[in-house]
Amino acid sequence: MVSISIFLTYIFNSRLKKDPSHRANAVARKNPRFTGMTKMERQVRKSIINKETRVIPLADDASWLDLEQLASVELTSEEKAHPIDGVFSSAEGLGWRAQHPGKQTIRLLFDKPYNVRRIHLVFEENMQQRTQEFLLRWSAGDDKAYRDVVRQQYHFSPPDSCREVEDYVVELNGLRQLELSIIPDISGGDALASLEQMLLA
């Protein structure tokens, strides 16, 4: 398979709301530090790459990291109408959806180490029954091995069971990379991986 790496950069056209009550969603080290730029004008740094605990409620006062500014994003694919950008906001959005069926990977590359204590994920499926599996891993740097945070399966059965919400308390000290791998249907088929929200604190 030919390895493809595409660096996509664009300006947000819509203002992202900061309302934590909604429960819906470094590649270039010389990137600007966003001095004097509003959140709406910031760029999400992302590139397409080749594919190779405890639960607590979502608190209104959670200090979510501004992932749009603090990290670059690598991902295996994305639909034009459902880019990765919206999943890093606590406001409702369209969410991310893969362009191709099968296993997909989303990788955050932080510009500097961070200590992360909480990870919030939301998945949604309103069309078909399927059993999804995801693996969340982290690393302290380029030379450090990835370590598992959680591997989990969830069965979607719309309309009764169409939303998976996961909220993990973690201790990830010196986090530099966070990787989410999604198998949308463990039985195979043409299901598309999707993600409504991904928040870190």
N, C-alpha and C. Protein backbone atom coordinates (compact mmCIF):
# COMPACT_ATOMS: atom_id res chain seq x y z
N MET A 1 0.84 -1.20 0.00
CA MET A 1 0.00 0.00 0.00
C MET A 1 0.88 1.24 0.00
N VAL A 2 0.54 2.15 -0.83
CA VAL A 2 1.33 3.37 -0.92
C VAL A 2 1.05 4.24 0.28
N SER A 3 2.10 4.67 0.92
CA SER A 3 1.94 5.52 2.11
C SER A 3 1.71 6.96 1.66
N ILE A 4 0.67 7.56 2.18
CA ILE A 4 0.33 8.93 1.80
C ILE A 4 0.34 9.80 3.03
N SER A 5 0.97 10.95 2.91
CA SER A 5 0.96 11.90 4.02
C SER A 5 0.58 13.26 3.49
N ILE A 6 -0.52 13.75 3.93
CA ILE A 6 -1.03 15.03 3.45
C ILE A 6 -1.21 15.96 4.63
N PHE A 7 -0.69 17.14 4.50
CA PHE A 7 -0.84 18.11 5.58
C PHE A 7 -1.94 19.10 5.22
N LEU A 8 -3.01 19.08 6.01
CA LEU A 8 -4.14 19.94 5.70
C LEU A 8 -4.19 21.07 6.72
N THR A 9 -4.31 22.29 6.25
CA THR A 9 -4.43 23.44 7.14
C THR A 9 -5.51 24.37 6.62
N TYR A 10 -6.41 24.77 7.47
CA TYR A 10 -7.40 25.73 7.03
C TYR A 10 -7.92 26.52 8.20
N ILE A 11 -8.64 27.63 7.91
CA ILE A 11 -9.17 28.53 8.93
C ILE A 11 -10.59 28.13 9.29
N PHE A 12 -10.91 28.11 10.54
CA PHE A 12 -12.27 27.82 10.99
C PHE A 12 -13.21 28.90 10.46
N ASN A 13 -14.36 28.50 9.92
CA ASN A 13 -15.33 29.45 9.40
C ASN A 13 -16.45 29.74 10.37
N SER A 14 -16.55 28.95 11.41
CA SER A 14 -17.63 29.16 12.37
C SER A 14 -17.06 29.25 13.76
N ARG A 15 -17.64 30.10 14.58
CA ARG A 15 -17.17 30.26 15.96
C ARG A 15 -17.55 29.05 16.78
N LEU A 16 -16.55 28.49 17.50
CA LEU A 16 -16.81 27.33 18.35
C LEU A 16 -17.29 27.81 19.71
N LYS A 17 -18.45 27.29 20.14
CA LYS A 17 -18.98 27.68 21.44
C LYS A 17 -18.27 26.93 22.54
N LYS A 18 -18.17 27.59 23.68
CA LYS A 18 -17.52 26.97 24.85
C LYS A 18 -18.59 26.73 25.91
N ASP A 19 -19.37 25.70 25.76
CA ASP A 19 -20.42 25.38 26.72
C ASP A 19 -20.28 23.93 27.15
N PRO A 20 -19.60 23.69 28.28
CA PRO A 20 -19.33 22.31 28.70
C PRO A 20 -20.59 21.52 29.03
N SER A 21 -21.77 22.14 29.09
CA SER A 21 -22.97 21.40 29.40
C SER A 21 -23.41 20.53 28.23
N HIS A 22 -22.98 20.84 27.02
CA HIS A 22 -23.28 20.00 25.87
C HIS A 22 -22.43 18.74 25.96
N ARG A 23 -23.04 17.56 25.68
CA ARG A 23 -22.31 16.30 25.83
C ARG A 23 -22.11 15.60 24.49
N ALA A 24 -22.38 16.32 23.34
CA ALA A 24 -22.31 15.64 22.07
C ALA A 24 -20.98 14.97 21.81
N ASN A 25 -18.97 16.66 20.80
CA ASN A 25 -17.69 16.34 20.39
C ASN A 25 -16.72 17.12 21.30
N ALA A 26 5.22 17.34 16.91
CA ALA A 26 4.46 18.44 16.32
C ALA A 26 4.97 18.45 14.92
N VAL A 27 3.53 18.36 14.00
CA VAL A 27 3.94 18.10 12.61
C VAL A 27 4.91 19.18 12.15
N ALA A 28 4.62 20.44 12.40
CA ALA A 28 5.52 21.52 12.05
C ALA A 28 5.83 22.31 13.31
N ARG A 29 7.05 22.27 13.75
CA ARG A 29 7.44 22.97 14.99
C ARG A 29 7.55 24.47 14.78
N LYS A 30 7.48 24.92 13.54
CA LYS A 30 7.61 26.34 13.28
C LYS A 30 6.25 27.01 13.13
N ASN A 31 5.19 26.32 13.53
CA ASN A 31 3.86 26.93 13.43
C ASN A 31 3.79 28.17 14.31
N PRO A 32 2.99 29.18 13.93
CA PRO A 32 2.85 30.39 14.74
C PRO A 32 2.22 30.07 16.07
N ARG A 33 2.45 30.92 17.03
CA ARG A 33 1.93 30.71 18.38
C ARG A 33 0.56 31.34 18.55
N PHE A 34 -0.08 31.71 17.45
CA PHE A 34 -1.44 32.23 17.47
C PHE A 34 -1.55 33.55 18.23
N THR A 35 -0.45 34.31 18.30
CA THR A 35 -0.47 35.57 19.03
C THR A 35 -1.47 36.52 18.39
N GLY A 36 -2.37 37.07 19.20
CA GLY A 36 -3.34 38.04 18.73
C GLY A 36 -4.46 37.45 17.90
N MET A 37 -4.58 36.14 17.85
CA MET A 37 -5.62 35.51 17.05
C MET A 37 -6.74 35.04 17.95
N THR A 38 -7.97 35.14 17.47
CA THR A 38 -9.11 34.64 18.22
C THR A 38 -9.22 33.15 18.03
N LYS A 39 -10.01 32.50 18.86
CA LYS A 39 -10.19 31.05 18.76
C LYS A 39 -10.78 30.67 17.41
N MET A 40 -11.68 31.56 16.88
CA MET A 40 -12.30 31.27 15.61
C MET A 40 -11.28 31.27 14.48
N GLU A 41 -10.20 32.07 14.61
CA GLU A 41 -9.23 32.22 13.55
C GLU A 41 -8.10 31.21 13.62
N ARG A 42 -8.01 30.46 14.70
CA ARG A 42 -6.90 29.53 14.87
C ARG A 42 -6.97 28.40 13.86
N GLN A 43 -5.84 27.85 13.52
CA GLN A 43 -5.76 26.76 12.58
C GLN A 43 -5.63 25.44 13.31
N VAL A 44 -6.33 24.44 12.84
CA VAL A 44 -6.12 23.08 13.33
C VAL A 44 -5.07 22.45 12.45
N ARG A 45 -3.98 22.00 13.04
CA ARG A 45 -2.88 21.41 12.30
C ARG A 45 -3.09 19.92 12.21
N LYS A 46 -3.29 19.40 11.00
CA LYS A 46 -3.59 17.98 10.88
C LYS A 46 -3.01 17.44 9.59
N SER A 47 -2.83 16.12 9.54
CA SER A 47 -2.30 15.46 8.35
C SER A 47 -2.89 14.07 8.24
N ILE A 48 -3.05 13.59 7.01
CA ILE A 48 -3.56 12.25 6.77
C ILE A 48 -2.40 11.27 6.77
N ILE A 49 -2.51 10.19 7.52
CA ILE A 49 -1.43 9.20 7.60
C ILE A 49 -1.92 7.88 7.05
N ASN A 50 -0.99 7.05 6.64
CA ASN A 50 -1.34 5.73 6.13
C ASN A 50 -1.71 4.81 7.28
N LYS A 51 -2.74 3.95 7.11
CA LYS A 51 -3.21 3.08 8.19
C LYS A 51 -2.22 1.95 8.45
N GLU A 52 -1.59 1.58 8.89
CA GLU A 52 -0.76 0.42 9.18
C GLU A 52 -1.54 -0.51 10.20
N THR A 53 -10.80 2.00 35.95
CA THR A 53 -11.13 3.34 35.51
C THR A 53 -12.51 3.69 36.04
N ARG A 54 -12.36 4.74 35.75
CA ARG A 54 -13.51 5.16 36.54
C ARG A 54 -14.35 6.09 35.71
N VAL A 55 -15.70 6.00 35.81
CA VAL A 55 -16.59 6.85 35.03
C VAL A 55 -17.20 7.91 35.93
N ILE A 56 -17.11 9.19 35.48
CA ILE A 56 -17.68 10.28 36.24
C ILE A 56 -18.44 11.19 35.29
N PRO A 57 -19.42 11.96 35.76
CA PRO A 57 -20.19 12.83 34.86
C PRO A 57 -19.34 13.97 34.32
N LEU A 58 -19.78 14.53 33.18
CA LEU A 58 -19.09 15.65 32.55
C LEU A 58 -19.38 16.92 33.34
N ALA A 59 -18.38 17.41 34.07
CA ALA A 59 -18.58 18.56 34.95
C ALA A 59 -18.56 19.86 34.15
N ASP A 60 -19.37 20.82 34.58
CA ASP A 60 -19.43 22.11 33.91
C ASP A 60 -18.14 22.91 34.06
N ASP A 61 -17.40 22.66 35.13
CA ASP A 61 -16.22 23.47 35.42
C ASP A 61 -14.91 22.79 35.00
N ALA A 62 -15.01 21.75 34.17
CA ALA A 62 -13.80 21.04 33.75
C ALA A 62 -12.90 21.97 32.94
N SER A 63 -11.60 21.92 33.22
CA SER A 63 -10.64 22.78 32.50
C SER A 63 -10.10 22.01 31.30
N TRP A 64 -10.87 21.95 30.25
CA TRP A 64 -10.47 21.20 29.06
C TRP A 64 -9.31 21.88 28.36
N LEU A 65 -8.36 21.08 27.89
CA LEU A 65 -7.22 21.61 27.15
C LEU A 65 -7.68 22.12 25.78
N ASP A 66 -7.05 23.20 25.32
CA ASP A 66 -7.34 23.75 24.01
C ASP A 66 -6.52 22.97 22.97
N LEU A 67 -7.03 21.82 22.56
CA LEU A 67 -6.27 20.93 21.69
C LEU A 67 -6.00 21.54 20.32
N GLU A 68 -6.86 22.44 19.87
CA GLU A 68 -6.63 23.10 18.58
C GLU A 68 -5.32 23.88 18.58
N GLN A 69 -4.94 24.41 19.74
CA GLN A 69 -3.73 25.22 19.84
C GLN A 69 -2.53 24.40 20.31
N LEU A 70 -2.77 23.39 21.13
CA LEU A 70 -1.67 22.70 21.81
C LEU A 70 -1.12 21.50 21.07
N ALA A 71 -1.84 20.99 20.08
CA ALA A 71 -1.42 19.74 19.44
C ALA A 71 -1.69 19.75 17.95
N SER A 72 -0.87 18.98 17.23
CA SER A 72 -1.13 18.67 15.83
C SER A 72 -1.91 17.35 15.78
N VAL A 73 -2.60 17.12 14.67
CA VAL A 73 -3.42 15.93 14.53
C VAL A 73 -3.02 15.15 13.29
N GLU A 74 -2.80 13.85 13.46
CA GLU A 74 -2.62 12.92 12.34
C GLU A 74 -3.82 11.99 12.32
N LEU A 75 -4.34 11.69 11.13
CA LEU A 75 -5.47 10.77 11.04
C LEU A 75 -5.44 10.04 9.71
N THR A 76 -6.05 8.87 9.70
CA THR A 76 -5.99 8.04 8.51
C THR A 76 -6.88 8.55 7.40
N SER A 77 -8.03 9.14 7.73
CA SER A 77 -8.91 9.71 6.71
C SER A 77 -9.98 10.54 7.37
N GLU A 78 -10.69 11.34 6.57
CA GLU A 78 -11.84 12.08 7.07
C GLU A 78 -12.75 12.47 5.91
N GLU A 79 -14.04 12.48 6.16
CA GLU A 79 -15.00 12.98 5.19
C GLU A 79 -14.93 14.50 5.16
N LYS A 80 -15.13 15.06 3.98
CA LYS A 80 -15.10 16.52 3.86
C LYS A 80 -16.15 17.17 4.75
N ALA A 81 -17.33 16.57 4.80
CA ALA A 81 -18.43 17.15 5.57
C ALA A 81 -18.32 16.88 7.06
N HIS A 82 -17.38 16.00 7.45
CA HIS A 82 -17.22 15.65 8.87
C HIS A 82 -15.73 15.64 9.23
N PRO A 83 -15.07 16.81 9.22
CA PRO A 83 -13.64 16.87 9.55
C PRO A 83 -13.41 16.67 11.05
N ILE A 84 -12.16 16.47 11.40
CA ILE A 84 -11.79 16.18 12.79
C ILE A 84 -11.94 17.39 13.70
N ASP A 85 -11.94 18.59 13.14
CA ASP A 85 -11.85 19.82 13.93
C ASP A 85 -12.87 19.95 15.05
N GLY A 86 -14.13 19.60 14.76
CA GLY A 86 -15.18 19.86 15.72
C GLY A 86 -15.16 18.98 16.96
N VAL A 87 -14.44 17.86 16.93
CA VAL A 87 -14.50 16.93 18.07
C VAL A 87 -13.77 17.46 19.30
N PHE A 88 -12.94 18.48 19.14
CA PHE A 88 -12.14 18.98 20.25
C PHE A 88 -12.83 20.12 21.00
N SER A 89 -14.10 20.34 20.74
CA SER A 89 -14.86 21.37 21.42
C SER A 89 -15.92 20.73 22.30
N SER A 90 -16.24 21.38 23.42
CA SER A 90 -17.29 20.87 24.30
C SER A 90 -18.68 21.22 23.78
N ALA A 91 -18.75 21.97 22.69
CA ALA A 91 -20.04 22.29 22.07
C ALA A 91 -20.44 21.19 21.10
N GLU A 92 -21.74 21.09 20.84
CA GLU A 92 -22.23 20.10 19.89
C GLU A 92 -21.75 20.44 18.50
N GLY A 93 -21.47 19.40 17.70
CA GLY A 93 -21.05 19.61 16.32
C GLY A 93 -21.40 18.40 15.48
N LEU A 94 -20.91 18.40 14.24
CA LEU A 94 -21.21 17.30 13.33
C LEU A 94 -20.35 16.08 13.61
N GLY A 95 -19.23 16.27 14.30
CA GLY A 95 -18.35 15.16 14.61
C GLY A 95 -17.49 14.76 13.42
N TRP A 96 -16.54 13.86 13.69
CA TRP A 96 -15.64 13.35 12.65
C TRP A 96 -16.17 12.02 12.12
N ARG A 97 -15.96 11.81 10.82
CA ARG A 97 -16.29 10.52 10.23
C ARG A 97 -15.21 10.15 9.22
N ALA A 98 -14.83 8.88 9.22
CA ALA A 98 -13.80 8.42 8.29
C ALA A 98 -14.32 8.43 6.86
N GLN A 99 -13.40 8.56 5.93
CA GLN A 99 -13.76 8.53 4.51
C GLN A 99 -13.86 7.10 3.99
N HIS A 100 -13.12 6.19 4.63
CA HIS A 100 -13.09 4.80 4.17
C HIS A 100 -13.48 3.86 5.30
N PRO A 101 -14.06 2.69 4.98
CA PRO A 101 -14.40 1.69 6.01
C PRO A 101 -13.14 1.11 6.64
N GLY A 102 -13.36 0.40 7.73
CA GLY A 102 -12.26 -0.31 8.38
C GLY A 102 -11.60 0.49 9.49
N LYS A 103 -10.52 -0.06 10.00
CA LYS A 103 -9.81 0.53 11.14
C LYS A 103 -9.28 1.92 10.80
N GLN A 104 -9.43 2.83 11.77
CA GLN A 104 -8.96 4.21 11.60
C GLN A 104 -8.17 4.63 12.84
N THR A 105 -7.26 5.58 12.63
CA THR A 105 -6.42 6.06 13.73
C THR A 105 -6.42 7.58 13.77
N ILE A 106 -6.57 8.11 14.97
CA ILE A 106 -6.45 9.55 15.23
C ILE A 106 -5.31 9.71 16.23
N ARG A 107 -4.33 10.54 15.89
CA ARG A 107 -3.16 10.70 16.76
C ARG A 107 -2.93 12.18 17.06
N LEU A 108 -2.84 12.52 18.34
CA LEU A 108 -2.53 13.88 18.78
C LEU A 108 -1.05 13.97 19.09
N LEU A 109 -0.37 14.97 18.52
CA LEU A 109 1.05 15.20 18.77
C LEU A 109 1.19 16.55 19.46
N PHE A 110 1.52 16.52 20.74
CA PHE A 110 1.57 17.75 21.53
C PHE A 110 2.91 18.47 21.33
N ASP A 111 2.85 19.79 21.34
CA ASP A 111 4.05 20.60 21.14
C ASP A 111 5.01 20.51 22.32
N LYS A 112 4.47 20.20 23.49
CA LYS A 112 5.29 20.02 24.70
C LYS A 112 4.57 19.06 25.63
N PRO A 113 5.25 18.52 26.63
CA PRO A 113 4.60 17.54 27.52
C PRO A 113 3.48 18.16 28.35
N TYR A 114 2.44 17.36 28.59
CA TYR A 114 1.34 17.78 29.45
C TYR A 114 0.98 16.64 30.39
N ASN A 115 0.50 17.01 31.56
CA ASN A 115 -0.02 16.04 32.51
C ASN A 115 -1.54 16.00 32.35
N VAL A 116 -2.07 14.86 31.94
CA VAL A 116 -3.49 14.73 31.66
C VAL A 116 -4.13 13.85 32.71
N ARG A 117 -5.25 14.30 33.24
CA ARG A 117 -5.93 13.59 34.32
C ARG A 117 -7.31 13.08 33.93
N ARG A 118 -7.78 13.46 32.74
CA ARG A 118 -9.13 13.06 32.35
C ARG A 118 -9.25 13.01 30.84
N ILE A 119 -9.94 12.00 30.34
CA ILE A 119 -10.20 11.85 28.91
C ILE A 119 -11.68 11.57 28.72
N HIS A 120 -12.32 12.36 27.86
CA HIS A 120 -13.76 12.24 27.62
C HIS A 120 -13.99 11.94 26.14
N LEU A 121 -14.67 10.83 25.86
CA LEU A 121 -14.94 10.41 24.48
C LEU A 121 -16.43 10.20 24.28
N VAL A 122 -16.92 10.60 23.11
CA VAL A 122 -18.33 10.37 22.75
C VAL A 122 -18.39 9.79 21.34
N PHE A 123 -19.09 8.67 21.19
CA PHE A 123 -19.33 8.05 19.90
C PHE A 123 -20.84 7.97 19.67
N GLU A 124 -21.26 8.03 18.40
CA GLU A 124 -22.68 7.97 18.11
C GLU A 124 -22.93 7.20 16.82
N GLU A 125 -23.96 6.37 16.82
CA GLU A 125 -24.35 5.60 15.64
C GLU A 125 -25.87 5.52 15.58
N ASN A 126 -26.46 6.14 14.57
CA ASN A 126 -27.91 6.21 14.46
C ASN A 126 -28.48 5.39 13.31
N MET A 127 -27.62 4.72 12.56
CA MET A 127 -28.07 4.07 11.32
C MET A 127 -28.08 2.55 11.37
N GLN A 128 -27.07 1.91 11.95
CA GLN A 128 -26.96 0.46 11.85
C GLN A 128 -26.45 -0.17 13.14
N GLN A 129 -26.79 -1.45 13.30
CA GLN A 129 -26.25 -2.20 14.44
C GLN A 129 -24.82 -2.61 14.13
N ARG A 130 -23.97 -2.45 15.10
CA ARG A 130 -22.57 -2.86 14.93
C ARG A 130 -21.90 -2.88 16.30
N THR A 131 -20.84 -3.69 16.41
CA THR A 131 -20.04 -3.72 17.63
C THR A 131 -18.69 -3.08 17.33
N GLN A 132 -18.43 -2.00 17.99
CA GLN A 132 -17.20 -1.22 17.80
C GLN A 132 -16.17 -1.58 18.86
N GLU A 133 -14.91 -1.51 18.47
CA GLU A 133 -13.82 -1.64 19.45
C GLU A 133 -12.85 -0.49 19.25
N PHE A 134 -12.43 0.13 20.35
CA PHE A 134 -11.40 1.15 20.23
C PHE A 134 -10.28 0.89 21.23
N LEU A 135 -9.10 1.37 20.86
CA LEU A 135 -7.92 1.27 21.72
C LEU A 135 -7.33 2.66 21.88
N LEU A 136 -7.15 3.08 23.13
CA LEU A 136 -6.55 4.37 23.43
C LEU A 136 -5.18 4.13 24.03
N ARG A 137 -4.13 4.74 23.41
CA ARG A 137 -2.75 4.56 23.86
C ARG A 137 -2.08 5.92 23.99
N TRP A 138 -1.00 5.96 24.79
CA TRP A 138 -0.28 7.22 24.95
C TRP A 138 1.22 6.97 25.00
N SER A 139 1.97 8.05 24.76
CA SER A 139 3.43 7.98 24.79
C SER A 139 3.98 9.29 25.33
N ALA A 140 5.14 9.21 25.98
CA ALA A 140 5.80 10.39 26.53
C ALA A 140 6.74 11.04 25.52
N GLY A 141 6.87 10.50 24.32
CA GLY A 141 7.74 11.12 23.33
C GLY A 141 8.05 10.19 22.18
N ASP A 142 8.82 10.71 21.20
CA ASP A 142 9.12 9.96 19.99
C ASP A 142 9.86 8.65 20.27
N ASP A 143 10.70 8.66 21.29
CA ASP A 143 11.51 7.47 21.58
C ASP A 143 10.89 6.57 22.64
N LYS A 144 9.69 6.91 23.08
CA LYS A 144 9.03 6.14 24.13
C LYS A 144 7.99 5.22 23.53
N ALA A 145 7.87 4.02 24.08
CA ALA A 145 6.88 3.07 23.60
C ALA A 145 5.48 3.52 24.00
N TYR A 146 4.51 3.15 23.18
CA TYR A 146 3.12 3.45 23.52
C TYR A 146 2.65 2.50 24.63
N ARG A 147 1.83 3.06 25.51
CA ARG A 147 1.24 2.28 26.59
C ARG A 147 -0.28 2.38 26.51
N ASP A 148 -0.97 1.27 26.72
CA ASP A 148 -2.42 1.25 26.63
C ASP A 148 -3.06 2.02 27.78
N VAL A 149 -4.09 2.77 27.44
CA VAL A 149 -4.94 3.40 28.45
C VAL A 149 -6.18 2.54 28.66
N VAL A 150 -6.85 2.20 27.56
CA VAL A 150 -8.05 1.36 27.63
C VAL A 150 -8.33 0.76 26.27
N ARG A 151 -8.83 -0.46 26.27
CA ARG A 151 -9.38 -1.12 25.08
C ARG A 151 -10.80 -1.51 25.42
N GLN A 152 -11.73 -1.13 24.57
CA GLN A 152 -13.13 -1.33 24.94
C GLN A 152 -14.00 -1.60 23.72
N GLN A 153 -15.04 -2.42 23.93
CA GLN A 153 -16.03 -2.69 22.91
C GLN A 153 -17.38 -2.13 23.34
N TYR A 154 -18.18 -1.76 22.32
CA TYR A 154 -19.53 -1.26 22.60
C TYR A 154 -20.43 -1.66 21.44
N HIS A 155 -21.63 -2.16 21.78
CA HIS A 155 -22.57 -2.58 20.74
C HIS A 155 -23.63 -1.50 20.52
N PHE A 156 -23.65 -0.96 19.31
CA PHE A 156 -24.67 0.02 18.93
C PHE A 156 -25.88 -0.73 18.36
N SER A 157 -27.06 -0.34 18.84
CA SER A 157 -28.30 -0.95 18.36
C SER A 157 -29.39 0.13 18.30
N PRO A 158 -29.32 1.00 17.27
CA PRO A 158 -30.30 2.08 17.15
C PRO A 158 -31.73 1.52 17.00
N PRO A 159 -32.74 2.22 17.54
CA PRO A 159 -32.62 3.52 18.22
C PRO A 159 -32.42 3.40 19.73
N ASP A 160 -32.38 2.16 20.25
CA ASP A 160 -32.30 1.99 21.70
C ASP A 160 -30.92 2.28 22.27
N SER A 161 -29.89 1.93 21.54
CA SER A 161 -28.52 2.12 22.03
C SER A 161 -27.68 2.71 20.89
N CYS A 162 -27.63 4.02 20.84
CA CYS A 162 -26.96 4.68 19.72
C CYS A 162 -25.87 5.64 20.16
N ARG A 163 -25.59 5.73 21.45
CA ARG A 163 -24.63 6.71 21.94
C ARG A 163 -23.74 6.10 23.02
N GLU A 164 -22.44 6.17 22.83
CA GLU A 164 -21.47 5.69 23.81
C GLU A 164 -20.70 6.88 24.37
N VAL A 165 -20.75 7.04 25.68
CA VAL A 165 -20.04 8.12 26.36
C VAL A 165 -19.07 7.51 27.35
N GLU A 166 -17.80 7.83 27.19
CA GLU A 166 -16.75 7.31 28.07
C GLU A 166 -16.01 8.47 28.72
N ASP A 167 -15.82 8.38 30.03
CA ASP A 167 -15.12 9.43 30.77
C ASP A 167 -14.13 8.75 31.72
N TYR A 168 -12.84 8.89 31.44
CA TYR A 168 -11.82 8.18 32.19
C TYR A 168 -10.98 9.12 33.04
N VAL A 169 -10.76 8.73 34.27
CA VAL A 169 -9.79 9.40 35.14
C VAL A 169 -8.45 8.70 34.96
N VAL A 170 -7.42 9.46 34.57
CA VAL A 170 -6.12 8.87 34.23
C VAL A 170 -5.00 9.64 34.92
N GLU A 171 -3.80 9.11 34.83
CA GLU A 171 -2.60 9.81 35.28
C GLU A 171 -1.53 9.67 34.20
N LEU A 172 -1.61 10.53 33.21
CA LEU A 172 -0.67 10.50 32.09
C LEU A 172 0.29 11.68 32.25
N ASN A 173 1.44 11.41 32.84
CA ASN A 173 2.41 12.46 33.12
C ASN A 173 3.41 12.59 31.98
N GLY A 174 3.59 13.81 31.49
CA GLY A 174 4.51 14.05 30.39
C GLY A 174 3.98 13.57 29.06
N LEU A 175 2.67 13.61 28.87
CA LEU A 175 2.05 13.15 27.63
C LEU A 175 2.54 13.97 26.44
N ARG A 176 3.02 13.29 25.40
CA ARG A 176 3.41 13.96 24.15
C ARG A 176 2.58 13.46 22.97
N GLN A 177 2.11 12.21 23.04
CA GLN A 177 1.31 11.64 21.95
C GLN A 177 0.15 10.84 22.54
N LEU A 178 -1.01 11.01 21.92
CA LEU A 178 -2.19 10.25 22.32
C LEU A 178 -2.80 9.67 21.04
N GLU A 179 -3.03 8.36 21.04
CA GLU A 179 -3.50 7.68 19.83
C GLU A 179 -4.79 6.94 20.10
N LEU A 180 -5.79 7.20 19.27
CA LEU A 180 -7.08 6.51 19.34
C LEU A 180 -7.27 5.70 18.07
N SER A 181 -7.33 4.38 18.19
CA SER A 181 -7.58 3.50 17.06
C SER A 181 -8.99 2.93 17.18
N ILE A 182 -9.74 2.98 16.08
CA ILE A 182 -11.15 2.57 16.10
C ILE A 182 -11.39 1.50 15.04
N ILE A 183 -11.92 0.37 15.47
CA ILE A 183 -12.44 -0.64 14.55
C ILE A 183 -13.96 -0.48 14.59
N PRO A 184 -14.57 0.09 13.56
CA PRO A 184 -16.00 0.42 13.64
C PRO A 184 -16.92 -0.79 13.75
N ASP A 185 -16.50 -1.94 13.17
CA ASP A 185 -17.31 -3.15 13.24
C ASP A 185 -16.38 -4.35 13.30
N ILE A 186 -16.35 -5.02 14.44
CA ILE A 186 -15.41 -6.12 14.62
C ILE A 186 -15.74 -7.33 13.74
N SER A 187 -16.94 -7.35 13.16
CA SER A 187 -17.33 -8.43 12.26
C SER A 187 -16.98 -8.11 10.81
N GLY A 188 -16.36 -6.97 10.57
CA GLY A 188 -16.01 -6.56 9.21
C GLY A 188 -17.11 -5.69 8.62
N GLY A 189 -17.24 -5.71 7.31
CA GLY A 189 -18.28 -4.90 6.68
C GLY A 189 -17.78 -3.53 6.29
N ASP A 190 -18.73 -2.69 5.90
CA ASP A 190 -18.38 -1.38 5.35
C ASP A 190 -18.71 -0.23 6.29
N ALA A 191 -18.79 -0.48 7.60
CA ALA A 191 -19.08 0.57 8.57
C ALA A 191 -17.96 1.60 8.60
N LEU A 192 -18.34 2.85 8.79
CA LEU A 192 -17.38 3.95 8.87
C LEU A 192 -17.16 4.34 10.33
N ALA A 193 -15.92 4.46 10.72
CA ALA A 193 -15.59 4.93 12.07
C ALA A 193 -16.01 6.39 12.22
N SER A 194 -16.42 6.74 13.42
CA SER A 194 -16.82 8.12 13.69
C SER A 194 -16.52 8.45 15.14
N LEU A 195 -16.47 9.76 15.41
CA LEU A 195 -16.20 10.25 16.77
C LEU A 195 -16.90 11.60 16.93
N GLU A 196 -17.72 11.71 17.96
CA GLU A 196 -18.44 12.96 18.19
C GLU A 196 -17.63 13.96 19.00
N GLN A 197 -16.86 13.47 19.97
CA GLN A 197 -16.18 14.38 20.88
C GLN A 197 -14.98 13.72 21.51
N MET A 198 -13.92 14.51 21.69
CA MET A 198 -12.71 14.06 22.37
C MET A 198 -12.16 15.24 23.16
N LEU A 199 -12.22 15.14 24.49
CA LEU A 199 -11.78 16.22 25.37
C LEU A 199 -10.75 15.69 26.36
N LEU A 200 -9.77 16.53 26.68
CA LEU A 200 -8.73 16.18 27.65
C LEU A 200 -8.64 17.27 28.69
N ALA A 201 -8.33 16.88 29.92
CA ALA A 201 -8.14 17.85 30.99
C ALA A 201 -7.01 17.37 31.89
